[in-house]
Amino acid sequence: NLRLRDWMELLEELKNKVPLSFNQEELQNETIKNLQQELLKCRSHLESDEKIFAEKTREVILLNDAMKETEK
């Protein structure tokens, strides 16, 4: 029982030391903000990758066409 009370006191002490500004809603808002920034960065990378893929696809088509012409 003494250990439980010690733990409870320690928990209460820690709660009092944590700044009130770190409430659950603010932590969630910060997480959402970070995730939105990460999403924007990933979308930008995806757009770049899609452009590269389209360019390489065009190159393959041109090379296949050239190869077919040389086989005639």
C-alpha atoms as a PDB file:
ATOM      1  CA  ASN A   1       0.000   0.000   0.000  1.00  0.00           C
ATOM      2  CA  LEU A   2       2.915   2.308   0.774  1.00  0.00           C
ATOM      3  CA  ARG A   3       4.424   1.719  -2.675  1.00  0.00           C
ATOM      4  CA  LEU A   4       1.132   2.472  -4.353  1.00  0.00           C
ATOM      5  CA  ARG A   5       0.836   5.719  -2.441  1.00  0.00           C
ATOM      6  CA  ASP A   6       4.426   6.617  -3.385  1.00  0.00           C
ATOM      7  CA  TRP A   7       3.629   5.979  -7.037  1.00  0.00           C
ATOM      8  CA  MET A   8       0.472   8.043  -6.828  1.00  0.00           C
ATOM      9  CA  GLU A   9       2.378  10.917  -5.238  1.00  0.00           C
ATOM     10  CA  LEU A  10       5.049  10.695  -7.902  1.00  0.00           C
ATOM     11  CA  LEU A  11       2.405  10.699 -10.615  1.00  0.00           C
ATOM     12  CA  GLU A  12       0.733  13.752  -9.114  1.00  0.00           C
ATOM     13  CA  GLU A  13       4.082  15.503  -8.830  1.00  0.00           C
ATOM     14  CA  LEU A  14       4.850  14.817 -12.477  1.00  0.00           C
ATOM     15  CA  LYS A  15       1.434  16.057 -13.551  1.00  0.00           C
ATOM     16  CA  ASN A  16       2.091  19.321 -11.758  1.00  0.00           C
ATOM     17  CA  LYS A  17       5.483  19.733 -13.425  1.00  0.00           C
ATOM     18  CA  VAL A  18       4.178  19.259 -16.961  1.00  0.00           C
ATOM     19  CA  PRO A  19       3.304  22.649 -18.445  1.00  0.00           C
ATOM     20  CA  LEU A  20      -0.384  23.238 -18.944  1.00  0.00           C
ATOM     21  CA  SER A  21       0.286  24.329 -22.520  1.00  0.00           C
ATOM     22  CA  PHE A  22       0.804  20.709 -23.526  1.00  0.00           C
ATOM     23  CA  ASN A  23      -2.795  19.658 -23.490  1.00  0.00           C
ATOM     24  CA  GLN A  24      -4.151  16.869 -25.643  1.00  0.00           C
ATOM     25  CA  GLU A  25      -5.723  19.130 -28.255  1.00  0.00           C
ATOM     26  CA  GLU A  26      -2.516  21.090 -28.839  1.00  0.00           C
ATOM     27  CA  LEU A  27      -0.514  17.894 -29.160  1.00  0.00           C
ATOM     28  CA  GLN A  28      -3.012  16.601 -31.710  1.00  0.00           C
ATOM     29  CA  ASN A  29      -2.893  19.894 -33.618  1.00  0.00           C
ATOM     30  CA  GLU A  30       0.907  19.743 -33.720  1.00  0.00           C
ATOM     31  CA  THR A  31       0.766  16.159 -34.952  1.00  0.00           C
ATOM     32  CA  ILE A  32      -1.768  17.096 -37.639  1.00  0.00           C
ATOM     33  CA  LYS A  33       0.404  20.018 -38.738  1.00  0.00           C
ATOM     34  CA  ASN A  34       3.474  17.776 -39.001  1.00  0.00           C
ATOM     35  CA  LEU A  35       1.540  15.144 -40.938  1.00  0.00           C
ATOM     36  CA  GLN A  36       0.171  17.755 -43.350  1.00  0.00           C
ATOM     37  CA  GLN A  37       3.702  19.029 -44.025  1.00  0.00           C
ATOM     38  CA  GLU A  38       4.916  15.479 -44.597  1.00  0.00           C
ATOM     39  CA  LEU A  39       1.977  14.830 -46.945  1.00  0.00           C
ATOM     40  CA  LEU A  40       2.812  17.923 -49.012  1.00  0.00           C
ATOM     41  CA  LYS A  41       6.423  16.812 -49.284  1.00  0.00           C
ATOM     42  CA  CYS A  42       5.379  13.299 -50.337  1.00  0.00           C
ATOM     43  CA  ARG A  43       2.951  14.665 -52.930  1.00  0.00           C
ATOM     44  CA  SER A  44       5.739  16.782 -54.383  1.00  0.00           C
ATOM     45  CA  HIS A  45       8.027  13.746 -54.598  1.00  0.00           C
ATOM     46  CA  LEU A  46       5.232  11.709 -56.194  1.00  0.00           C
ATOM     47  CA  GLU A  47       4.611  14.394 -58.808  1.00  0.00           C
ATOM     48  CA  SER A  48       8.311  14.456 -59.639  1.00  0.00           C
ATOM     49  CA  ASP A  49       8.423  10.660 -59.875  1.00  0.00           C
ATOM     50  CA  GLU A  50       5.370  10.619 -62.146  1.00  0.00           C
ATOM     51  CA  LYS A  51       7.038  13.113 -64.512  1.00  0.00           C
ATOM     52  CA  ILE A  52      10.200  11.015 -64.635  1.00  0.00           C
ATOM     53  CA  PHE A  53       8.159   7.845 -65.231  1.00  0.00           C
ATOM     54  CA  ALA A  54       6.218   9.472 -68.079  1.00  0.00           C
ATOM     55  CA  GLU A  55       9.460  10.686 -69.665  1.00  0.00           C
ATOM     56  CA  LYS A  56      11.083   7.248 -69.412  1.00  0.00           C
ATOM     57  CA  THR A  57       7.940   5.626 -70.839  1.00  0.00           C
ATOM     58  CA  ARG A  58       8.130   7.944 -73.859  1.00  0.00           C
ATOM     59  CA  GLU A  59      11.817   7.062 -74.293  1.00  0.00           C
ATOM     60  CA  VAL A  60      11.041   3.333 -74.227  1.00  0.00           C
ATOM     61  CA  ILE A  61       8.293   3.778 -76.821  1.00  0.00           C
ATOM     62  CA  LEU A  62      10.638   5.751 -79.089  1.00  0.00           C
ATOM     63  CA  LEU A  63      13.400   3.165 -78.703  1.00  0.00           C
ATOM     64  CA  ASN A  64      10.962   0.316 -79.426  1.00  0.00           C
ATOM     65  CA  ASP A  65       9.766   2.144 -82.537  1.00  0.00           C
ATOM     66  CA  ALA A  66      13.367   2.713 -83.656  1.00  0.00           C
ATOM     67  CA  MET A  67      14.198  -0.932 -83.045  1.00  0.00           C
ATOM     68  CA  LYS A  68      11.194  -2.053 -85.122  1.00  0.00           C
ATOM     69  CA  GLU A  69      12.325   0.236 -87.963  1.00  0.00           C
ATOM     70  CA  THR A  70      15.819  -1.253 -87.972  1.00  0.00           C
ATOM     71  CA  GLU A  71      14.406  -4.796 -88.049  1.00  0.00           C
ATOM     72  CA  LYS A  72      12.493  -4.126 -91.280  1.00  0.00           C
END
